[in-house]
Amino acid sequence: MTAVLLAEDDEAIAAPLSRALGREGYTVTVELTGPAALGRALAGEHDLLILDLGLPGMDGLEVCRQVRASGRDLPVLMLTARADEVDFVVGLDAGADDYVGKPFRLAELLARVRALLRRAAPTDDPVVEVGDIRLEPAARRVLVSGAEVALANKEYELLKVLLERAGQVVERETILREVWGDADLRGSKTLDMHMSWLRRKLGDDRTGRIATVRGVGFRFNVD
């Protein structure tokens, strides 16, 4: 059974959300503080972490950073009452895979939980090689000229979409739908931020592997 760790100190949110996740068939563990959530997350017993930004003792950003620093690829869905885009960017930069603002619609949150778990599940997809880049879905690993490059989950999914359509222009709406499950994010800066991070990690400022097609989308160039 899929195990979800819910780190949320607001009982008005934690209790009903825990019940809703339980009805969906998940085993839920609730932690009320940052240090307790971090300890549970590092124990390796859970498949997904739903993490409130405003936890006492250690905020959600620091919990997320320490989980990522440990090498764990546990999917992280962050909750926040803050609407500021700066907080959104900081949360993603800390290693969160997705972000939901409060108040949230339960159906949307559950859909995002399912999407994160699907992406984290083992896959039989074939290895994709384009130029000096090799993407291994079974190991969820990316190699550039034989050296492994550490990508966050969204960066990995973004690269996968582009590599599978190498040489073709991939529309922004297609990328947002396949990576974030929501083409309605097209007016936000989410995709552009992740594309910038991906390019930097691939050293793309030197190679120009990923081309921007203005007003349409992106193309992964084939040598």
N, C-alpha and C. Protein backbone atom coordinates (compact mmCIF):
# COMPACT_ATOMS: atom_id res chain seq x y z
N MET A 1 0.85 -1.19 0.00
CA MET A 1 0.00 0.00 0.00
C MET A 1 0.89 1.25 0.00
N THR A 2 0.50 2.24 -0.78
CA THR A 2 1.29 3.47 -0.88
C THR A 2 1.24 4.26 0.42
N ALA A 3 2.42 4.65 0.91
CA ALA A 3 2.52 5.36 2.18
C ALA A 3 2.80 6.84 1.93
N VAL A 4 1.97 7.70 2.51
CA VAL A 4 2.10 9.15 2.36
C VAL A 4 2.45 9.76 3.71
N LEU A 5 3.47 10.62 3.74
CA LEU A 5 3.83 11.37 4.94
C LEU A 5 3.26 12.78 4.80
N LEU A 6 2.37 13.15 5.70
CA LEU A 6 1.73 14.47 5.69
C LEU A 6 2.32 15.29 6.83
N ALA A 7 3.05 16.34 6.50
CA ALA A 7 3.66 17.22 7.50
C ALA A 7 2.85 18.51 7.54
N GLU A 8 1.97 18.64 8.52
CA GLU A 8 1.04 19.77 8.59
C GLU A 8 0.63 19.96 10.04
N ASP A 9 0.87 21.18 10.59
CA ASP A 9 0.57 21.39 12.00
C ASP A 9 -0.82 21.99 12.24
N ASP A 10 -1.56 22.30 11.18
CA ASP A 10 -2.91 22.84 11.31
C ASP A 10 -3.91 21.68 11.29
N GLU A 11 -4.49 21.40 12.45
CA GLU A 11 -5.39 20.26 12.57
C GLU A 11 -6.59 20.39 11.64
N ALA A 12 -7.02 21.63 11.36
CA ALA A 12 -8.16 21.86 10.48
C ALA A 12 -7.87 21.40 9.05
N ILE A 13 -6.60 21.31 8.71
CA ILE A 13 -6.20 20.81 7.39
C ILE A 13 -5.76 19.36 7.47
N ALA A 14 -4.93 19.05 8.48
CA ALA A 14 -4.33 17.72 8.58
C ALA A 14 -5.37 16.61 8.73
N ALA A 15 -6.36 16.80 9.60
CA ALA A 15 -7.33 15.74 9.87
C ALA A 15 -8.17 15.40 8.64
N PRO A 16 -8.84 16.39 8.01
CA PRO A 16 -9.65 16.03 6.85
C PRO A 16 -8.82 15.56 5.66
N LEU A 17 -7.62 16.12 5.48
CA LEU A 17 -6.78 15.68 4.37
C LEU A 17 -6.29 14.26 4.59
N SER A 18 -5.95 13.93 5.83
CA SER A 18 -5.54 12.56 6.15
C SER A 18 -6.67 11.58 5.87
N ARG A 19 -7.90 11.96 6.24
CA ARG A 19 -9.05 11.08 5.98
C ARG A 19 -9.29 10.92 4.49
N ALA A 20 -9.17 12.01 3.75
CA ALA A 20 -9.38 11.94 2.30
C ALA A 20 -8.35 11.05 1.63
N LEU A 21 -7.09 11.16 2.03
CA LEU A 21 -6.04 10.30 1.49
C LEU A 21 -6.29 8.84 1.85
N GLY A 22 -6.77 8.62 3.08
CA GLY A 22 -7.09 7.26 3.50
C GLY A 22 -8.19 6.65 2.66
N ARG A 23 -9.20 7.45 2.31
CA ARG A 23 -10.29 6.95 1.47
C ARG A 23 -9.81 6.58 0.07
N GLU A 24 -8.71 7.23 -0.35
CA GLU A 24 -8.13 6.92 -1.66
C GLU A 24 -7.25 5.68 -1.63
N GLY A 25 -7.07 5.10 -0.45
CA GLY A 25 -6.29 3.88 -0.33
C GLY A 25 -4.86 4.07 0.13
N TYR A 26 -4.49 5.28 0.53
CA TYR A 26 -3.14 5.54 1.00
C TYR A 26 -3.03 5.32 2.51
N THR A 27 -1.88 4.87 2.95
CA THR A 27 -1.56 4.82 4.37
C THR A 27 -0.90 6.15 4.74
N VAL A 28 -1.46 6.86 5.70
CA VAL A 28 -1.03 8.22 5.98
C VAL A 28 -0.40 8.32 7.37
N THR A 29 0.77 8.94 7.44
CA THR A 29 1.42 9.29 8.69
C THR A 29 1.43 10.81 8.81
N VAL A 30 0.96 11.35 9.92
CA VAL A 30 0.92 12.80 10.12
C VAL A 30 1.99 13.22 11.12
N GLU A 31 2.78 14.21 10.74
CA GLU A 31 3.76 14.80 11.65
C GLU A 31 3.47 16.29 11.77
N LEU A 32 3.64 16.85 12.96
CA LEU A 32 3.21 18.22 13.25
C LEU A 32 4.34 19.23 13.29
N THR A 33 5.60 18.77 13.25
CA THR A 33 6.74 19.68 13.31
C THR A 33 7.74 19.36 12.21
N GLY A 34 8.59 20.34 11.90
CA GLY A 34 9.60 20.13 10.89
C GLY A 34 10.60 19.04 11.23
N PRO A 35 11.19 19.04 12.44
CA PRO A 35 12.16 18.00 12.77
C PRO A 35 11.57 16.59 12.72
N ALA A 36 10.33 16.45 13.20
CA ALA A 36 9.69 15.12 13.17
C ALA A 36 9.45 14.68 11.74
N ALA A 37 9.02 15.62 10.89
CA ALA A 37 8.78 15.30 9.48
C ALA A 37 10.07 14.88 8.79
N LEU A 38 11.15 15.60 9.08
CA LEU A 38 12.44 15.27 8.46
C LEU A 38 12.89 13.88 8.87
N GLY A 39 12.77 13.56 10.16
CA GLY A 39 13.17 12.23 10.62
C GLY A 39 12.41 11.13 9.92
N ARG A 40 11.11 11.31 9.78
CA ARG A 40 10.28 10.32 9.10
C ARG A 40 10.66 10.21 7.62
N ALA A 41 10.87 11.36 6.98
CA ALA A 41 11.18 11.36 5.55
C ALA A 41 12.50 10.64 5.27
N LEU A 42 13.48 10.81 6.17
CA LEU A 42 14.79 10.18 5.97
C LEU A 42 14.79 8.71 6.32
N ALA A 43 13.74 8.25 7.00
CA ALA A 43 13.66 6.84 7.38
C ALA A 43 13.39 5.93 6.18
N GLY A 44 12.91 6.51 5.09
CA GLY A 44 12.71 5.74 3.87
C GLY A 44 11.48 4.86 3.85
N GLU A 45 10.49 5.17 4.67
CA GLU A 45 9.29 4.32 4.78
C GLU A 45 8.11 4.86 3.98
N HIS A 46 8.26 6.02 3.34
CA HIS A 46 7.14 6.64 2.65
C HIS A 46 7.43 6.86 1.17
N ASP A 47 6.35 6.93 0.40
CA ASP A 47 6.46 7.07 -1.05
C ASP A 47 6.23 8.51 -1.53
N LEU A 48 5.70 9.36 -0.65
CA LEU A 48 5.40 10.74 -1.00
C LEU A 48 5.36 11.58 0.26
N LEU A 49 5.86 12.82 0.17
CA LEU A 49 5.82 13.75 1.29
C LEU A 49 4.97 14.96 0.89
N ILE A 50 3.90 15.21 1.65
CA ILE A 50 3.11 16.43 1.50
C ILE A 50 3.56 17.36 2.62
N LEU A 51 4.16 18.48 2.25
CA LEU A 51 4.93 19.26 3.20
C LEU A 51 4.43 20.71 3.28
N ASP A 52 3.98 21.11 4.48
CA ASP A 52 3.56 22.49 4.68
C ASP A 52 4.79 23.38 4.80
N LEU A 53 4.72 24.54 4.17
CA LEU A 53 5.84 25.48 4.23
C LEU A 53 6.06 26.01 5.64
N GLY A 54 4.97 26.21 6.41
CA GLY A 54 5.08 26.88 7.70
C GLY A 54 5.09 25.98 8.91
N LEU A 55 5.92 24.95 8.90
CA LEU A 55 6.00 24.04 10.04
C LEU A 55 6.81 24.65 11.18
N PRO A 56 6.44 24.36 12.43
CA PRO A 56 7.24 24.84 13.57
C PRO A 56 8.50 24.00 13.76
N GLY A 57 9.50 24.62 14.35
CA GLY A 57 10.75 23.91 14.65
C GLY A 57 11.73 23.91 13.50
N MET A 58 11.23 23.74 12.29
CA MET A 58 12.04 23.77 11.07
C MET A 58 11.05 23.95 9.93
N ASP A 59 11.19 25.01 9.15
CA ASP A 59 10.16 25.25 8.13
C ASP A 59 10.27 24.24 6.99
N GLY A 60 9.22 24.21 6.17
CA GLY A 60 9.15 23.23 5.11
C GLY A 60 10.27 23.33 4.10
N LEU A 61 10.75 24.54 3.83
CA LEU A 61 11.85 24.71 2.89
C LEU A 61 13.11 23.99 3.37
N GLU A 62 13.41 24.15 4.66
CA GLU A 62 14.61 23.51 5.20
C GLU A 62 14.45 22.00 5.25
N VAL A 63 13.25 21.52 5.57
CA VAL A 63 12.99 20.08 5.54
C VAL A 63 13.25 19.54 4.14
N CYS A 64 12.73 20.24 3.15
CA CYS A 64 12.89 19.80 1.76
C CYS A 64 14.36 19.81 1.36
N ARG A 65 15.07 20.87 1.71
CA ARG A 65 16.50 20.95 1.37
C ARG A 65 17.28 19.78 1.98
N GLN A 66 16.98 19.47 3.24
CA GLN A 66 17.73 18.40 3.90
C GLN A 66 17.37 17.02 3.34
N VAL A 67 16.13 16.84 2.94
CA VAL A 67 15.75 15.59 2.28
C VAL A 67 16.53 15.43 0.99
N ARG A 68 16.60 16.50 0.20
CA ARG A 68 17.34 16.43 -1.06
C ARG A 68 18.84 16.26 -0.83
N ALA A 69 19.37 16.93 0.20
CA ALA A 69 20.80 16.81 0.49
C ALA A 69 21.17 15.39 0.90
N SER A 70 20.20 14.65 1.45
CA SER A 70 20.45 13.27 1.87
C SER A 70 20.54 12.31 0.68
N GLY A 71 20.13 12.78 -0.49
CA GLY A 71 20.14 11.93 -1.68
C GLY A 71 18.84 11.22 -1.94
N ARG A 72 17.85 11.37 -1.04
CA ARG A 72 16.56 10.72 -1.23
C ARG A 72 15.80 11.41 -2.35
N ASP A 73 15.19 10.60 -3.26
CA ASP A 73 14.41 11.17 -4.35
C ASP A 73 12.91 11.10 -4.05
N LEU A 74 12.57 11.16 -2.77
CA LEU A 74 11.18 11.14 -2.34
C LEU A 74 10.42 12.30 -2.98
N PRO A 75 9.31 12.03 -3.69
CA PRO A 75 8.52 13.14 -4.26
C PRO A 75 7.98 14.04 -3.16
N VAL A 76 8.06 15.36 -3.38
CA VAL A 76 7.62 16.34 -2.39
C VAL A 76 6.58 17.27 -3.00
N LEU A 77 5.40 17.29 -2.39
CA LEU A 77 4.34 18.22 -2.76
C LEU A 77 4.23 19.25 -1.64
N MET A 78 4.50 20.51 -1.97
CA MET A 78 4.55 21.53 -0.93
C MET A 78 3.23 22.30 -0.86
N LEU A 79 2.77 22.57 0.38
CA LEU A 79 1.56 23.36 0.64
C LEU A 79 1.96 24.70 1.21
N THR A 80 1.29 25.76 0.78
CA THR A 80 1.58 27.07 1.34
C THR A 80 0.39 27.99 1.25
N ALA A 81 0.26 28.86 2.23
CA ALA A 81 -0.79 29.88 2.21
C ALA A 81 -0.28 31.14 1.53
N ARG A 82 0.99 31.18 1.18
CA ARG A 82 1.58 32.35 0.55
C ARG A 82 1.35 32.30 -0.95
N ALA A 83 1.01 33.43 -1.52
CA ALA A 83 0.73 33.49 -2.96
C ALA A 83 1.87 34.13 -3.74
N ASP A 84 2.87 34.64 -3.05
CA ASP A 84 3.96 35.36 -3.70
C ASP A 84 4.77 34.42 -4.59
N GLU A 85 5.02 34.85 -5.85
CA GLU A 85 5.76 34.00 -6.77
C GLU A 85 7.18 33.75 -6.30
N VAL A 86 7.75 34.68 -5.53
CA VAL A 86 9.09 34.47 -5.00
C VAL A 86 9.12 33.24 -4.11
N ASP A 87 8.10 33.08 -3.26
CA ASP A 87 8.03 31.89 -2.41
C ASP A 87 7.88 30.63 -3.24
N PHE A 88 7.11 30.73 -4.33
CA PHE A 88 6.93 29.60 -5.23
C PHE A 88 8.28 29.17 -5.80
N VAL A 89 9.05 30.13 -6.29
CA VAL A 89 10.36 29.84 -6.88
C VAL A 89 11.30 29.24 -5.84
N VAL A 90 11.33 29.83 -4.65
CA VAL A 90 12.22 29.34 -3.60
C VAL A 90 11.87 27.90 -3.23
N GLY A 91 10.58 27.60 -3.15
CA GLY A 91 10.15 26.25 -2.82
C GLY A 91 10.61 25.24 -3.86
N LEU A 92 10.46 25.56 -5.14
CA LEU A 92 10.90 24.66 -6.19
C LEU A 92 12.42 24.53 -6.20
N ASP A 93 13.10 25.64 -5.95
CA ASP A 93 14.56 25.62 -5.93
C ASP A 93 15.08 24.78 -4.77
N ALA A 94 14.29 24.67 -3.70
CA ALA A 94 14.68 23.85 -2.56
C ALA A 94 14.54 22.36 -2.84
N GLY A 95 13.87 22.03 -3.95
CA GLY A 95 13.75 20.63 -4.34
C GLY A 95 12.35 20.08 -4.35
N ALA A 96 11.33 20.93 -4.11
CA ALA A 96 9.95 20.46 -4.18
C ALA A 96 9.60 20.09 -5.62
N ASP A 97 8.76 19.07 -5.78
CA ASP A 97 8.37 18.63 -7.12
C ASP A 97 7.11 19.33 -7.61
N ASP A 98 6.28 19.74 -6.68
CA ASP A 98 5.05 20.44 -7.05
C ASP A 98 4.63 21.33 -5.90
N TYR A 99 3.68 22.20 -6.13
CA TYR A 99 3.36 23.27 -5.21
C TYR A 99 1.86 23.53 -5.28
N VAL A 100 1.18 23.54 -4.15
CA VAL A 100 -0.26 23.83 -4.12
C VAL A 100 -0.51 24.92 -3.08
N GLY A 101 -1.23 25.96 -3.47
CA GLY A 101 -1.53 27.05 -2.56
C GLY A 101 -2.81 26.81 -1.78
N LYS A 102 -2.83 27.31 -0.55
CA LYS A 102 -4.04 27.23 0.27
C LYS A 102 -4.88 28.50 0.04
N PRO A 103 -6.20 28.38 0.05
CA PRO A 103 -6.97 27.13 0.14
C PRO A 103 -6.89 26.37 -1.19
N PHE A 104 -6.93 25.06 -1.12
CA PHE A 104 -6.83 24.25 -2.32
C PHE A 104 -8.10 23.41 -2.48
N ARG A 105 -8.35 23.01 -3.72
CA ARG A 105 -9.46 22.09 -3.98
C ARG A 105 -8.93 20.68 -3.76
N LEU A 106 -9.68 19.89 -2.98
CA LEU A 106 -9.23 18.54 -2.65
C LEU A 106 -9.00 17.71 -3.91
N ALA A 107 -9.90 17.83 -4.88
CA ALA A 107 -9.76 17.03 -6.10
C ALA A 107 -8.46 17.35 -6.82
N GLU A 108 -8.09 18.63 -6.83
CA GLU A 108 -6.84 19.02 -7.48
C GLU A 108 -5.64 18.46 -6.73
N LEU A 109 -5.65 18.56 -5.41
CA LEU A 109 -4.53 18.04 -4.63
C LEU A 109 -4.37 16.54 -4.83
N LEU A 110 -5.47 15.80 -4.80
CA LEU A 110 -5.40 14.35 -5.00
C LEU A 110 -4.89 14.00 -6.39
N ALA A 111 -5.27 14.80 -7.39
CA ALA A 111 -4.78 14.56 -8.75
C ALA A 111 -3.27 14.76 -8.82
N ARG A 112 -2.78 15.77 -8.12
CA ARG A 112 -1.34 16.03 -8.12
C ARG A 112 -0.59 14.94 -7.37
N VAL A 113 -1.19 14.42 -6.31
CA VAL A 113 -0.59 13.29 -5.59
C VAL A 113 -0.46 12.10 -6.53
N ARG A 114 -1.52 11.78 -7.25
CA ARG A 114 -1.48 10.64 -8.17
C ARG A 114 -0.43 10.85 -9.26
N ALA A 115 -0.33 12.07 -9.78
CA ALA A 115 0.64 12.36 -10.84
C ALA A 115 2.07 12.18 -10.34
N LEU A 116 2.37 12.67 -9.14
CA LEU A 116 3.72 12.52 -8.58
C LEU A 116 4.08 11.07 -8.34
N LEU A 117 3.12 10.30 -7.86
CA LEU A 117 3.39 8.88 -7.60
C LEU A 117 3.59 8.11 -8.90
N ARG A 118 2.84 8.47 -9.93
CA ARG A 118 3.04 7.81 -11.23
C ARG A 118 4.44 8.07 -11.77
N ARG A 119 4.88 9.31 -11.64
CA ARG A 119 6.21 9.66 -12.17
C ARG A 119 7.32 8.98 -11.39
N ALA A 120 7.08 8.72 -10.11
CA ALA A 120 8.11 8.11 -9.27
C ALA A 120 8.13 6.60 -9.39
N ALA A 121 7.09 6.01 -10.01
CA ALA A 121 6.99 4.55 -10.09
C ALA A 121 8.02 3.99 -11.08
N PRO A 122 8.48 2.75 -10.84
CA PRO A 122 9.40 2.11 -11.79
C PRO A 122 8.77 2.06 -13.18
N THR A 123 9.58 2.14 -14.21
CA THR A 123 9.06 2.18 -15.57
C THR A 123 9.82 1.23 -16.48
N ASP A 124 9.15 0.78 -17.53
CA ASP A 124 9.78 -0.07 -18.54
C ASP A 124 10.08 0.72 -19.80
N ASP A 125 9.98 2.05 -19.73
CA ASP A 125 10.26 2.87 -20.90
C ASP A 125 11.68 2.63 -21.39
N PRO A 126 11.89 2.65 -22.70
CA PRO A 126 13.23 2.41 -23.24
C PRO A 126 14.19 3.57 -22.97
N VAL A 127 15.46 3.25 -23.00
CA VAL A 127 16.51 4.27 -22.87
C VAL A 127 16.42 5.20 -24.08
N VAL A 128 16.61 6.49 -23.83
CA VAL A 128 16.59 7.49 -24.91
C VAL A 128 17.98 8.10 -25.00
N GLU A 129 18.56 8.09 -26.19
CA GLU A 129 19.87 8.69 -26.41
C GLU A 129 19.79 9.68 -27.56
N VAL A 130 20.20 10.90 -27.29
CA VAL A 130 20.25 11.95 -28.31
C VAL A 130 21.58 12.66 -28.16
N GLY A 131 22.42 12.54 -29.15
CA GLY A 131 23.75 13.14 -29.06
C GLY A 131 24.51 12.56 -27.88
N ASP A 132 25.03 13.42 -27.02
CA ASP A 132 25.81 12.95 -25.87
C ASP A 132 24.96 12.77 -24.62
N ILE A 133 23.64 12.86 -24.76
CA ILE A 133 22.76 12.72 -23.61
C ILE A 133 22.06 11.37 -23.64
N ARG A 134 22.09 10.69 -22.51
CA ARG A 134 21.46 9.38 -22.37
C ARG A 134 20.51 9.45 -21.17
N LEU A 135 19.25 9.16 -21.40
CA LEU A 135 18.23 9.16 -20.35
C LEU A 135 17.78 7.72 -20.10
N GLU A 136 17.94 7.26 -18.86
CA GLU A 136 17.61 5.87 -18.49
C GLU A 136 16.39 5.87 -17.56
N PRO A 137 15.18 5.66 -18.11
CA PRO A 137 13.96 5.74 -17.30
C PRO A 137 13.90 4.75 -16.15
N ALA A 138 14.38 3.53 -16.34
CA ALA A 138 14.30 2.53 -15.28
C ALA A 138 15.06 2.97 -14.04
N ALA A 139 16.22 3.60 -14.24
CA ALA A 139 17.04 4.09 -13.13
C ALA A 139 16.74 5.56 -12.84
N ARG A 140 15.91 6.16 -13.68
CA ARG A 140 15.60 7.60 -13.60
C ARG A 140 16.91 8.40 -13.52
N ARG A 141 17.77 8.12 -14.48
CA ARG A 141 19.12 8.68 -14.48
C ARG A 141 19.40 9.36 -15.81
N VAL A 142 20.18 10.45 -15.75
CA VAL A 142 20.58 11.17 -16.96
C VAL A 142 22.09 11.27 -16.99
N LEU A 143 22.68 10.91 -18.13
CA LEU A 143 24.12 10.99 -18.33
C LEU A 143 24.42 11.97 -19.46
N VAL A 144 25.40 12.82 -19.25
CA VAL A 144 25.86 13.75 -20.28
C VAL A 144 27.33 13.45 -20.53
N SER A 145 27.64 12.99 -21.74
CA SER A 145 29.01 12.57 -22.08
C SER A 145 29.53 11.55 -21.08
N GLY A 146 28.64 10.66 -20.62
CA GLY A 146 29.01 9.58 -19.71
C GLY A 146 29.00 9.93 -18.24
N ALA A 147 28.83 11.21 -17.91
CA ALA A 147 28.82 11.64 -16.50
C ALA A 147 27.38 11.89 -16.06
N GLU A 148 27.04 11.35 -14.89
CA GLU A 148 25.68 11.51 -14.40
C GLU A 148 25.42 12.95 -13.96
N VAL A 149 24.24 13.46 -14.32
CA VAL A 149 23.81 14.80 -13.94
C VAL A 149 22.58 14.67 -13.06
N ALA A 150 22.62 15.28 -11.88
CA ALA A 150 21.51 15.20 -10.94
C ALA A 150 20.43 16.21 -11.34
N LEU A 151 19.24 15.71 -11.66
CA LEU A 151 18.12 16.56 -12.02
C LEU A 151 16.99 16.38 -11.02
N ALA A 152 16.30 17.46 -10.69
CA ALA A 152 15.08 17.37 -9.90
C ALA A 152 14.01 16.68 -10.75
N ASN A 153 12.96 16.19 -10.11
CA ASN A 153 11.95 15.41 -10.83
C ASN A 153 11.35 16.16 -12.02
N LYS A 154 10.99 17.43 -11.81
CA LYS A 154 10.38 18.19 -12.89
C LYS A 154 11.38 18.44 -14.02
N GLU A 155 12.65 18.67 -13.69
CA GLU A 155 13.67 18.85 -14.72
C GLU A 155 13.84 17.57 -15.52
N TYR A 156 13.81 16.42 -14.83
CA TYR A 156 13.92 15.13 -15.51
C TYR A 156 12.75 14.93 -16.48
N GLU A 157 11.53 15.19 -16.01
CA GLU A 157 10.35 15.01 -16.85
C GLU A 157 10.38 15.94 -18.04
N LEU A 158 10.83 17.16 -17.82
CA LEU A 158 10.92 18.14 -18.90
C LEU A 158 11.91 17.67 -19.97
N LEU A 159 13.07 17.20 -19.53
CA LEU A 159 14.07 16.69 -20.48
C LEU A 159 13.53 15.48 -21.24
N LYS A 160 12.83 14.61 -20.55
CA LYS A 160 12.27 13.40 -21.18
C LYS A 160 11.31 13.77 -22.30
N VAL A 161 10.42 14.73 -22.04
CA VAL A 161 9.47 15.17 -23.07
C VAL A 161 10.21 15.70 -24.30
N LEU A 162 11.26 16.49 -24.07
CA LEU A 162 12.00 17.06 -25.19
C LEU A 162 12.80 16.01 -25.96
N LEU A 163 13.44 15.10 -25.23
CA LEU A 163 14.25 14.07 -25.89
C LEU A 163 13.39 13.12 -26.71
N GLU A 164 12.22 12.79 -26.21
CA GLU A 164 11.34 11.86 -26.93
C GLU A 164 10.83 12.48 -28.23
N ARG A 165 10.93 13.81 -28.33
CA ARG A 165 10.50 14.51 -29.55
C ARG A 165 11.67 15.30 -30.13
N ALA A 166 12.86 14.79 -29.97
CA ALA A 166 14.06 15.50 -30.42
C ALA A 166 13.94 15.89 -31.89
N GLY A 167 14.31 17.15 -32.18
CA GLY A 167 14.22 17.65 -33.54
C GLY A 167 12.89 18.29 -33.87
N GLN A 168 11.90 18.10 -33.00
CA GLN A 168 10.57 18.66 -33.22
C GLN A 168 10.33 19.82 -32.25
N VAL A 169 9.48 20.74 -32.68
CA VAL A 169 9.06 21.80 -31.77
C VAL A 169 7.95 21.26 -30.87
N VAL A 170 8.15 21.36 -29.56
CA VAL A 170 7.15 20.89 -28.60
C VAL A 170 6.47 22.13 -28.01
N GLU A 171 5.17 22.23 -28.18
CA GLU A 171 4.44 23.41 -27.73
C GLU A 171 4.44 23.51 -26.21
N ARG A 172 4.39 24.74 -25.72
CA ARG A 172 4.39 24.98 -24.28
C ARG A 172 3.22 24.26 -23.61
N GLU A 173 2.04 24.31 -24.22
CA GLU A 173 0.87 23.66 -23.63
C GLU A 173 1.08 22.16 -23.49
N THR A 174 1.74 21.54 -24.49
CA THR A 174 2.01 20.10 -24.43
C THR A 174 2.94 19.78 -23.26
N ILE A 175 3.98 20.58 -23.11
CA ILE A 175 4.93 20.36 -22.01
C ILE A 175 4.24 20.52 -20.66
N LEU A 176 3.47 21.59 -20.50
CA LEU A 176 2.78 21.83 -19.23
C LEU A 176 1.80 20.71 -18.91
N ARG A 177 1.12 20.21 -19.90
CA ARG A 177 0.16 19.13 -19.68
C ARG A 177 0.88 17.83 -19.28
N GLU A 178 1.98 17.51 -19.94
CA GLU A 178 2.66 16.24 -19.68
C GLU A 178 3.52 16.27 -18.43
N VAL A 179 4.10 17.42 -18.11
CA VAL A 179 5.01 17.50 -16.96
C VAL A 179 4.28 17.94 -15.70
N TRP A 180 3.38 18.91 -15.85
CA TRP A 180 2.65 19.44 -14.68
C TRP A 180 1.20 19.01 -14.63
N GLY A 181 0.70 18.39 -15.70
CA GLY A 181 -0.69 17.94 -15.72
C GLY A 181 -1.68 19.09 -15.81
N ASP A 182 -1.21 20.26 -16.25
CA ASP A 182 -2.07 21.43 -16.25
C ASP A 182 -1.61 22.42 -17.31
N ALA A 183 -2.25 22.37 -18.51
CA ALA A 183 -1.89 23.29 -19.58
C ALA A 183 -2.30 24.71 -19.26
N ASP A 184 -3.15 24.91 -18.26
CA ASP A 184 -3.61 26.25 -17.89
C ASP A 184 -2.51 27.06 -17.20
N LEU A 185 -1.36 26.44 -16.92
CA LEU A 185 -0.24 27.18 -16.34
C LEU A 185 0.54 27.96 -17.39
N ARG A 186 0.03 27.98 -18.62
CA ARG A 186 0.80 28.56 -19.73
C ARG A 186 1.15 30.04 -19.52
N GLY A 187 0.36 30.75 -18.73
CA GLY A 187 0.64 32.16 -18.50
C GLY A 187 1.62 32.40 -17.37
N SER A 188 2.04 31.34 -16.67
CA SER A 188 2.95 31.50 -15.54
C SER A 188 4.40 31.38 -16.00
N LYS A 189 5.32 31.62 -15.07
CA LYS A 189 6.75 31.52 -15.37
C LYS A 189 7.33 30.17 -14.98
N THR A 190 6.46 29.24 -14.57
CA THR A 190 6.91 27.94 -14.08
C THR A 190 7.79 27.22 -15.10
N LEU A 191 7.31 27.09 -16.33
CA LEU A 191 8.06 26.36 -17.35
C LEU A 191 9.39 27.05 -17.64
N ASP A 192 9.38 28.36 -17.77
CA ASP A 192 10.62 29.08 -18.10
C ASP A 192 11.67 28.94 -16.99
N MET A 193 11.22 28.94 -15.73
CA MET A 193 12.16 28.77 -14.63
C MET A 193 12.81 27.40 -14.68
N HIS A 194 12.00 26.36 -14.88
CA HIS A 194 12.55 25.01 -14.92
C HIS A 194 13.43 24.80 -16.16
N MET A 195 13.05 25.42 -17.27
CA MET A 195 13.89 25.31 -18.47
C MET A 195 15.25 25.96 -18.23
N SER A 196 15.26 27.08 -17.53
CA SER A 196 16.54 27.75 -17.22
C SER A 196 17.40 26.86 -16.35
N TRP A 197 16.80 26.23 -15.33
CA TRP A 197 17.57 25.35 -14.45
C TRP A 197 18.10 24.13 -15.21
N LEU A 198 17.25 23.56 -16.09
CA LEU A 198 17.66 22.40 -16.87
C LEU A 198 18.82 22.75 -17.80
N ARG A 199 18.71 23.87 -18.48
CA ARG A 199 19.78 24.29 -19.38
C ARG A 199 21.09 24.46 -18.62
N ARG A 200 21.02 25.07 -17.45
CA ARG A 200 22.24 25.30 -16.66
C ARG A 200 22.88 23.97 -16.28
N LYS A 201 22.07 23.00 -15.87
CA LYS A 201 22.64 21.72 -15.44
C LYS A 201 23.21 20.92 -16.61
N LEU A 202 22.65 21.13 -17.80
CA LEU A 202 23.15 20.43 -18.98
C LEU A 202 24.33 21.16 -19.62
N GLY A 203 24.66 22.35 -19.09
CA GLY A 203 25.70 23.15 -19.70
C GLY A 203 25.26 23.71 -21.04
N ASP A 204 23.95 23.95 -21.14
CA ASP A 204 23.38 24.30 -22.43
C ASP A 204 23.71 25.73 -22.87
N ASP A 205 24.22 26.54 -21.97
CA ASP A 205 24.63 27.89 -22.37
C ASP A 205 25.79 27.82 -23.35
N ARG A 206 26.50 26.68 -23.35
CA ARG A 206 27.63 26.51 -24.27
C ARG A 206 27.23 25.74 -25.52
N THR A 207 26.32 24.80 -25.41
CA THR A 207 26.02 23.91 -26.53
C THR A 207 24.79 24.30 -27.33
N GLY A 208 23.85 25.00 -26.73
CA GLY A 208 22.63 25.37 -27.43
C GLY A 208 21.78 24.18 -27.83
N ARG A 209 21.77 23.14 -26.98
CA ARG A 209 20.97 21.95 -27.30
C ARG A 209 19.47 22.28 -27.39
N ILE A 210 18.99 23.11 -26.44
CA ILE A 210 17.56 23.40 -26.35
C ILE A 210 17.29 24.78 -26.92
N ALA A 211 16.54 24.82 -28.01
CA ALA A 211 16.23 26.08 -28.67
C ALA A 211 14.84 26.56 -28.26
N THR A 212 14.70 27.84 -28.05
CA THR A 212 13.39 28.45 -27.78
C THR A 212 12.77 28.89 -29.09
N VAL A 213 11.56 28.44 -29.36
CA VAL A 213 10.80 28.87 -30.54
C VAL A 213 9.77 29.87 -30.04
N ARG A 214 10.03 31.13 -30.23
CA ARG A 214 9.23 32.19 -29.61
C ARG A 214 7.75 32.07 -29.95
N GLY A 215 6.95 32.16 -28.89
CA GLY A 215 5.51 32.12 -29.05
C GLY A 215 4.95 30.73 -29.28
N VAL A 216 5.82 29.71 -29.33
CA VAL A 216 5.35 28.34 -29.59
C VAL A 216 5.79 27.37 -28.50
N GLY A 217 7.11 27.20 -28.38
CA GLY A 217 7.60 26.23 -27.41
C GLY A 217 9.10 26.06 -27.48
N PHE A 218 9.56 24.81 -27.44
CA PHE A 218 10.99 24.52 -27.39
C PHE A 218 11.31 23.33 -28.31
N ARG A 219 12.56 23.28 -28.75
CA ARG A 219 13.02 22.17 -29.60
C ARG A 219 14.37 21.70 -29.09
N PHE A 220 14.52 20.37 -28.93
CA PHE A 220 15.82 19.81 -28.58
C PHE A 220 16.53 19.50 -29.90
N ASN A 221 17.62 20.20 -30.15
CA ASN A 221 18.31 20.09 -31.43
C ASN A 221 19.05 18.77 -31.54
N VAL A 222 19.00 18.19 -32.73
CA VAL A 222 19.69 16.95 -33.02
C VAL A 222 20.92 17.29 -33.84
N ASP A 223 22.08 16.80 -33.41
CA ASP A 223 23.31 17.10 -34.13
C ASP A 223 23.30 16.45 -35.52
